[in-house]
N, C-alpha and C. Protein backbone atom coordinates (compact mmCIF):
# COMPACT_ATOMS: atom_id res chain seq x y z
N PRO A 1 72.34 74.52 130.81
CA PRO A 1 70.78 74.13 130.69
C PRO A 1 70.10 75.47 130.21
N TRP A 2 70.50 76.68 130.28
CA TRP A 2 69.54 77.74 129.97
C TRP A 2 69.14 77.65 128.54
N LEU A 3 70.02 77.18 127.59
CA LEU A 3 69.80 77.07 126.30
C LEU A 3 68.44 75.94 125.57
N THR A 4 68.71 75.03 126.59
CA THR A 4 67.87 74.06 126.23
C THR A 4 66.58 74.46 127.22
N PHE A 5 66.59 74.97 128.15
CA PHE A 5 65.43 75.67 128.91
C PHE A 5 64.73 76.69 127.89
N ALA A 6 65.32 77.49 127.26
CA ALA A 6 64.75 78.58 126.41
C ALA A 6 64.11 77.46 125.44
N LEU A 7 64.84 76.77 124.82
CA LEU A 7 64.51 75.91 123.97
C LEU A 7 63.06 75.22 124.37
N ARG A 8 62.75 74.97 125.51
CA ARG A 8 61.79 74.14 125.88
C ARG A 8 60.69 75.08 126.30
N GLU A 9 61.04 76.13 126.60
CA GLU A 9 59.89 77.53 126.63
C GLU A 9 58.98 77.51 125.19
N ALA A 10 60.11 77.64 124.04
CA ALA A 10 59.56 77.68 123.21
C ALA A 10 58.53 76.76 122.26
N VAL A 11 59.25 75.48 122.69
CA VAL A 11 58.35 74.53 121.84
C VAL A 11 57.12 74.18 122.69
N TYR A 12 57.13 74.30 123.67
CA TYR A 12 55.80 74.37 124.71
C TYR A 12 54.88 75.65 124.19
N ALA A 13 55.65 76.99 124.10
CA ALA A 13 54.74 78.24 123.66
C ALA A 13 54.47 77.56 122.11
N LEU A 14 55.05 77.25 121.43
CA LEU A 14 54.41 77.01 120.10
C LEU A 14 53.46 76.13 120.14
N ASP A 15 53.38 75.23 121.12
CA ASP A 15 52.46 73.97 121.21
C ASP A 15 50.99 74.75 121.61
N ALA A 16 51.20 75.78 122.44
CA ALA A 16 50.06 76.33 122.95
C ALA A 16 49.40 77.18 121.45
N ILE A 17 50.34 77.85 120.97
CA ILE A 17 49.74 78.90 119.90
C ILE A 17 49.41 77.86 118.73
N ALA A 18 49.81 76.50 118.61
CA ALA A 18 49.07 75.59 117.21
C ALA A 18 47.76 75.40 117.93
N ASP A 19 47.49 75.49 118.88
CA ASP A 19 46.10 75.01 119.42
C ASP A 19 45.24 76.33 119.19
N VAL A 20 46.03 77.23 119.76
CA VAL A 20 45.02 78.58 119.48
C VAL A 20 44.80 78.85 117.89
N LEU A 21 45.58 78.72 117.14
CA LEU A 21 45.63 79.08 115.74
C LEU A 21 44.56 77.60 115.02
N ASP A 22 44.25 76.34 116.13
CA ASP A 22 43.49 75.59 115.41
C ASP A 22 41.82 75.97 115.85
N GLY A 23 42.46 76.86 116.70
CA GLY A 23 40.75 77.14 117.38
C GLY A 23 40.13 76.93 118.43
N HIS A 24 41.03 76.41 119.35
CA HIS A 24 40.54 76.18 120.70
C HIS A 24 41.91 76.12 121.75
N PRO A 25 41.57 76.37 122.94
CA PRO A 25 42.50 76.57 124.19
C PRO A 25 43.56 75.40 124.20
N PRO A 26 44.57 75.88 124.70
CA PRO A 26 45.78 74.90 124.56
C PRO A 26 45.62 73.54 125.63
N LYS A 27 45.84 72.56 124.74
CA LYS A 27 45.81 71.05 125.32
C LYS A 27 46.82 70.59 125.96
N GLY A 28 48.14 71.29 125.47
CA GLY A 28 49.65 70.84 126.17
C GLY A 28 49.79 68.96 125.33
N ARG A 29 49.44 68.86 124.02
CA ARG A 29 49.88 67.86 123.53
C ARG A 29 51.26 67.36 123.85
N LEU A 30 52.38 68.39 123.28
CA LEU A 30 53.50 68.20 123.46
C LEU A 30 54.31 67.70 125.10
N MET A 31 53.50 68.40 125.97
CA MET A 31 54.06 68.67 127.26
C MET A 31 53.35 66.96 127.93
N SER A 32 52.32 66.46 127.34
CA SER A 32 51.47 65.45 127.82
C SER A 32 52.68 64.10 127.11
N VAL A 33 53.16 64.53 126.02
CA VAL A 33 54.26 63.38 125.73
C VAL A 33 55.47 63.20 126.34
N MET A 34 56.00 64.43 126.74
CA MET A 34 57.51 64.70 127.26
C MET A 34 56.95 63.79 128.83
N GLU A 35 55.90 64.16 129.39
CA GLU A 35 55.55 63.56 130.71
C GLU A 35 55.64 62.27 130.57
N GLU A 36 55.01 61.81 129.88
CA GLU A 36 54.80 60.39 129.26
C GLU A 36 56.06 59.71 129.56
N ILE A 37 57.19 60.12 128.87
CA ILE A 37 58.36 59.64 128.29
C ILE A 37 59.27 60.04 129.60
N MET A 38 59.12 60.89 130.66
CA MET A 38 59.94 61.35 131.75
C MET A 38 59.63 60.06 132.66
N LEU A 39 58.34 59.82 132.63
CA LEU A 39 57.42 58.97 133.57
C LEU A 39 58.43 57.59 133.54
N SER A 40 57.97 57.18 131.88
CA SER A 40 58.60 55.79 131.96
C SER A 40 60.20 55.71 132.03
N GLU A 41 61.06 56.87 131.73
CA GLU A 41 62.21 56.68 132.23
C GLU A 41 62.86 57.86 132.95
N PRO A 42 62.52 57.75 134.41
CA PRO A 42 62.80 58.60 135.52
C PRO A 42 64.56 58.81 135.82
N GLY A 43 65.44 58.25 135.20
CA GLY A 43 66.77 58.07 135.66
C GLY A 43 66.87 59.57 135.52
N ASN A 44 66.93 60.33 134.50
CA ASN A 44 67.62 61.58 134.14
C ASN A 44 66.98 62.84 135.49
N TRP A 45 66.13 62.65 135.93
CA TRP A 45 65.51 63.52 137.21
C TRP A 45 65.57 63.05 138.20
N GLN A 46 64.79 61.75 138.51
CA GLN A 46 64.41 61.14 139.65
C GLN A 46 65.40 62.05 141.10
N LYS A 47 66.65 61.67 140.69
CA LYS A 47 67.31 62.08 141.83
C LYS A 47 67.78 63.61 142.14
N TYR A 48 66.99 64.34 141.49
CA TYR A 48 67.51 65.63 141.07
C TYR A 48 66.17 66.76 142.10
N TYR A 49 64.86 65.91 141.79
CA TYR A 49 63.69 66.68 142.35
C TYR A 49 62.91 66.01 143.47
N GLU A 50 62.80 66.85 144.58
CA GLU A 50 61.98 66.16 145.75
C GLU A 50 60.86 66.57 145.69
N GLY A 51 59.69 65.76 146.60
CA GLY A 51 58.29 66.10 146.41
C GLY A 51 57.53 65.01 145.87
N GLU A 52 56.15 65.62 146.08
CA GLU A 52 55.30 64.64 145.39
C GLU A 52 54.35 64.89 144.31
N GLY A 53 53.68 64.32 143.46
CA GLY A 53 52.63 64.72 142.40
C GLY A 53 52.78 66.01 141.91
N ARG A 54 51.68 66.77 142.06
CA ARG A 54 52.31 68.42 141.26
C ARG A 54 53.47 68.74 141.52
N ASP A 55 54.02 68.46 142.70
CA ASP A 55 55.41 69.52 142.93
C ASP A 55 56.70 68.89 141.84
N LEU A 56 56.40 67.51 141.72
CA LEU A 56 57.33 66.98 140.84
C LEU A 56 57.05 67.26 139.21
N TRP A 57 55.64 67.08 139.00
CA TRP A 57 55.38 67.64 137.49
C TRP A 57 56.29 68.65 137.61
N VAL A 58 55.88 69.92 138.07
CA VAL A 58 56.32 70.98 137.95
C VAL A 58 57.87 71.35 137.46
N GLN A 59 58.39 70.41 138.48
CA GLN A 59 59.87 70.66 138.25
C GLN A 59 60.43 69.93 137.18
N ARG A 60 59.77 68.45 136.63
CA ARG A 60 60.20 67.75 135.31
C ARG A 60 59.64 68.73 134.54
N HIS A 61 59.11 69.72 134.26
CA HIS A 61 58.63 70.59 132.99
C HIS A 61 59.36 71.96 133.08
N PHE A 62 59.72 72.45 134.16
CA PHE A 62 60.22 74.34 134.62
C PHE A 62 61.23 74.37 135.33
N SER A 63 61.86 73.30 135.99
CA SER A 63 63.02 73.08 136.65
C SER A 63 63.68 74.17 135.63
N TYR A 64 65.00 75.28 136.46
CA TYR A 64 65.93 75.58 135.96
C TYR A 64 66.83 74.64 135.81
N SER A 65 66.99 73.76 136.50
CA SER A 65 67.94 72.79 136.54
C SER A 65 67.68 71.90 134.72
N ASP A 66 66.64 72.04 134.44
CA ASP A 66 66.41 71.64 132.94
C ASP A 66 66.39 70.40 132.96
N ARG A 67 66.08 69.19 133.69
CA ARG A 67 66.52 67.80 133.38
C ARG A 67 65.95 67.46 131.93
N ILE A 68 64.51 67.78 131.74
CA ILE A 68 63.81 67.63 130.43
C ILE A 68 64.94 67.50 129.12
N ARG A 69 65.71 68.26 129.25
CA ARG A 69 66.71 68.24 127.92
C ARG A 69 67.28 66.99 127.58
N TYR A 70 67.35 66.27 128.67
CA TYR A 70 67.85 64.84 127.97
C TYR A 70 67.15 63.95 127.60
N TYR A 71 65.79 64.27 127.29
CA TYR A 71 64.55 63.63 126.84
C TYR A 71 64.41 63.97 125.19
N TRP A 72 64.57 65.16 125.21
CA TRP A 72 64.55 65.79 123.95
C TRP A 72 65.12 64.90 122.44
N PRO A 73 66.14 64.13 122.58
CA PRO A 73 67.06 63.36 121.49
C PRO A 73 66.02 61.87 121.75
N THR A 74 65.27 61.75 122.33
CA THR A 74 64.09 60.40 122.23
C THR A 74 63.54 60.70 120.61
N GLU A 75 63.47 59.44 119.87
CA GLU A 75 62.66 59.23 119.34
C GLU A 75 61.00 59.74 119.48
N ARG A 76 60.85 59.35 120.30
CA ARG A 76 58.93 59.99 120.57
C ARG A 76 58.90 61.61 120.74
N ALA A 77 60.00 61.73 121.39
CA ALA A 77 60.17 63.68 121.74
C ALA A 77 60.19 64.16 120.39
N ARG A 78 61.37 63.67 119.63
CA ARG A 78 61.67 64.11 117.97
C ARG A 78 60.37 64.06 117.32
N ASN A 79 59.68 63.00 117.53
CA ASN A 79 58.29 62.80 116.61
C ASN A 79 57.79 63.95 116.83
N ALA A 80 57.12 64.09 118.49
CA ALA A 80 56.05 64.89 118.99
C ALA A 80 56.79 66.24 118.48
N VAL A 81 57.69 66.68 118.66
CA VAL A 81 58.22 68.04 117.93
C VAL A 81 58.32 68.13 116.23
N SER A 82 58.64 67.01 115.70
CA SER A 82 58.21 67.22 114.18
C SER A 82 56.72 67.36 114.03
N HIS A 83 55.78 66.59 114.64
CA HIS A 83 54.53 66.66 114.12
C HIS A 83 53.89 68.19 114.79
N LEU A 84 54.42 68.65 115.77
CA LEU A 84 54.44 70.16 115.98
C LEU A 84 54.82 71.26 114.92
N LEU A 85 55.54 71.07 114.62
CA LEU A 85 56.31 71.94 113.65
C LEU A 85 55.37 71.91 112.28
N ALA A 86 55.18 70.46 111.97
CA ALA A 86 54.10 70.30 110.69
C ALA A 86 52.57 70.98 110.74
N ARG A 87 52.28 71.16 112.22
CA ARG A 87 50.87 71.56 112.35
C ARG A 87 51.17 73.25 112.15
N LEU A 88 52.53 73.73 112.40
CA LEU A 88 52.48 75.15 112.34
C LEU A 88 53.19 75.74 110.86
N ARG A 89 53.27 74.68 109.86
CA ARG A 89 54.36 74.88 109.08
C ARG A 89 53.49 75.95 108.01
N SER A 90 52.41 75.58 107.76
CA SER A 90 51.79 76.53 106.65
C SER A 90 51.13 77.86 107.41
N LYS A 91 51.11 78.02 108.58
CA LYS A 91 50.72 78.98 109.57
C LYS A 91 51.36 80.00 109.77
N GLN A 92 50.81 81.36 109.67
CA GLN A 92 51.56 82.42 109.88
C GLN A 92 51.22 83.02 111.39
N ILE A 93 52.30 82.91 112.53
CA ILE A 93 52.13 83.49 113.67
C ILE A 93 51.59 84.68 113.74
N PRO A 94 50.40 85.26 114.26
CA PRO A 94 50.15 86.68 114.49
C PRO A 94 50.82 86.86 115.42
N ALA A 95 51.15 88.65 115.40
CA ALA A 95 52.00 89.06 116.32
C ALA A 95 51.52 89.01 117.77
N PRO A 96 50.23 89.09 117.99
CA PRO A 96 49.49 89.33 119.36
C PRO A 96 49.46 88.19 120.08
N VAL A 97 49.26 86.73 119.36
CA VAL A 97 49.33 85.55 119.77
C VAL A 97 50.64 85.20 119.98
N LEU A 98 52.00 85.35 119.37
CA LEU A 98 53.25 85.01 119.46
C LEU A 98 53.62 85.66 120.75
N ALA A 99 53.03 87.20 121.17
CA ALA A 99 53.23 88.06 122.39
C ALA A 99 52.91 87.51 123.18
N GLN A 100 51.78 86.84 123.67
CA GLN A 100 50.69 86.35 124.36
C GLN A 100 51.73 84.98 125.41
N TYR A 101 52.54 84.20 124.09
CA TYR A 101 53.34 83.42 124.85
C TYR A 101 54.44 83.38 124.88
N LEU A 102 55.46 84.12 123.68
CA LEU A 102 56.91 84.65 123.89
C LEU A 102 57.00 85.89 123.67
N PRO A 103 56.82 86.81 124.62
CA PRO A 103 56.50 88.49 124.53
C PRO A 103 57.93 88.88 124.01
N ASN A 104 59.32 88.29 124.05
CA ASN A 104 60.13 88.60 123.68
C ASN A 104 60.75 88.42 122.61
N VAL A 105 59.99 87.33 121.85
CA VAL A 105 60.45 86.79 120.56
C VAL A 105 59.97 87.33 119.26
N PRO A 106 60.86 88.08 118.28
CA PRO A 106 60.08 88.75 116.86
C PRO A 106 59.38 87.69 116.47
N VAL A 107 58.60 87.98 115.71
CA VAL A 107 57.39 86.97 114.76
C VAL A 107 58.30 86.42 113.92
N GLY A 108 57.88 85.39 113.56
CA GLY A 108 58.43 84.56 112.68
C GLY A 108 57.71 83.26 112.40
N ASN A 109 58.31 82.23 111.39
CA ASN A 109 57.51 80.84 111.59
C ASN A 109 58.24 79.96 113.08
N ALA A 110 57.66 78.93 112.97
CA ALA A 110 58.02 78.10 114.21
C ALA A 110 59.53 78.02 114.26
N GLU A 111 59.97 77.68 113.15
CA GLU A 111 61.56 77.28 113.27
C GLU A 111 62.34 78.73 114.10
N GLU A 112 62.10 79.40 113.30
CA GLU A 112 62.40 80.93 113.46
C GLU A 112 62.11 81.47 115.02
N VAL A 113 61.11 80.99 115.68
CA VAL A 113 60.72 81.11 116.73
C VAL A 113 61.75 80.51 117.59
N MET A 114 61.84 79.25 117.52
CA MET A 114 62.53 78.36 118.62
C MET A 114 63.99 78.94 118.34
N LEU A 115 64.86 79.24 117.16
CA LEU A 115 66.03 79.60 117.17
C LEU A 115 66.17 81.14 117.81
N SER A 116 65.25 81.87 117.55
CA SER A 116 65.31 83.08 118.54
C SER A 116 65.14 83.08 120.26
N ALA A 117 64.25 82.30 120.57
CA ALA A 117 64.83 82.03 121.95
C ALA A 117 65.69 81.56 122.62
N VAL A 118 66.48 80.68 121.54
CA VAL A 118 68.25 80.35 122.27
C VAL A 118 68.91 81.26 121.72
N GLU A 119 68.87 82.10 120.76
CA GLU A 119 69.84 83.17 120.24
C GLU A 119 69.77 84.18 121.19
N GLN A 120 68.73 84.68 121.96
CA GLN A 120 68.34 85.46 122.95
C GLN A 120 69.70 85.53 124.28
N VAL A 121 69.23 83.70 124.79
CA VAL A 121 69.82 83.51 125.61
C VAL A 121 71.61 83.61 125.21
N LEU A 122 71.97 83.02 123.90
CA LEU A 122 73.23 83.13 123.42
C LEU A 122 73.67 84.55 123.41
N ARG A 123 73.09 85.42 123.04
CA ARG A 123 73.37 87.26 123.17
C ARG A 123 73.67 87.52 124.69
N LYS A 124 73.00 87.11 125.75
CA LYS A 124 73.11 87.53 127.08
C LYS A 124 74.43 86.71 127.46
N TYR A 125 74.55 85.61 127.18
CA TYR A 125 76.07 84.65 127.50
C TYR A 125 77.35 85.67 126.69
N GLU A 126 77.36 85.91 125.41
CA GLU A 126 78.10 86.58 124.82
C GLU A 126 78.36 88.04 125.72
N ALA A 127 77.14 88.92 125.91
CA ALA A 127 77.31 89.72 126.82
C ALA A 127 78.31 90.07 128.01
N ALA A 128 77.93 88.67 128.65
CA ALA A 128 78.60 88.56 130.21
C ALA A 128 79.81 88.19 129.55
N CYS A 129 80.43 87.71 128.63
CA CYS A 129 81.67 87.41 128.00
C CYS A 129 82.55 88.71 128.03
N ALA A 130 82.07 89.62 127.20
CA ALA A 130 82.05 90.68 126.70
C ALA A 130 82.48 91.75 128.01
N GLY A 131 81.62 91.37 129.02
CA GLY A 131 81.41 92.69 130.45
C GLY A 131 80.77 93.42 129.93
N ILE A 132 79.63 93.30 128.94
CA ILE A 132 78.69 94.42 128.87
C ILE A 132 77.13 93.65 129.95
N ALA A 133 77.29 95.15 130.66
CA ALA A 133 75.78 94.95 131.85
C ALA A 133 74.60 95.40 131.07
N GLY A 134 73.51 94.81 131.58
CA GLY A 134 72.14 95.04 131.25
C GLY A 134 71.64 94.48 130.12
N VAL A 135 72.20 93.43 129.30
CA VAL A 135 71.54 93.16 128.03
C VAL A 135 70.64 91.80 128.33
């Protein structure tokens, strides 16, 4: 789940960055699509999260158990991510904007940002397997 959690952080951040680069505050378009998908197909999260309303919403999108990972392969989610990447394809992400949303990810295009977010987690796993502390 940590790898898909990192990927979700990156794509949600890129969604906010795309809005900023379009000249307006973040609207959470991708998050809205994912919320609709998860509500229409609750089988992958419903028995894992407790609470009501806002508590469930936060868990669906930000829980460490990352139940949202089961929804990324859906056609609607893939299309939403493709649309996001198309919005960013011709844009350079300024370092201060990227740092606002993903402070530990080096500057790059959208695909590089997503890969870097996941690679950071993989490096931590690798270090743990090698017995290296403090990575």
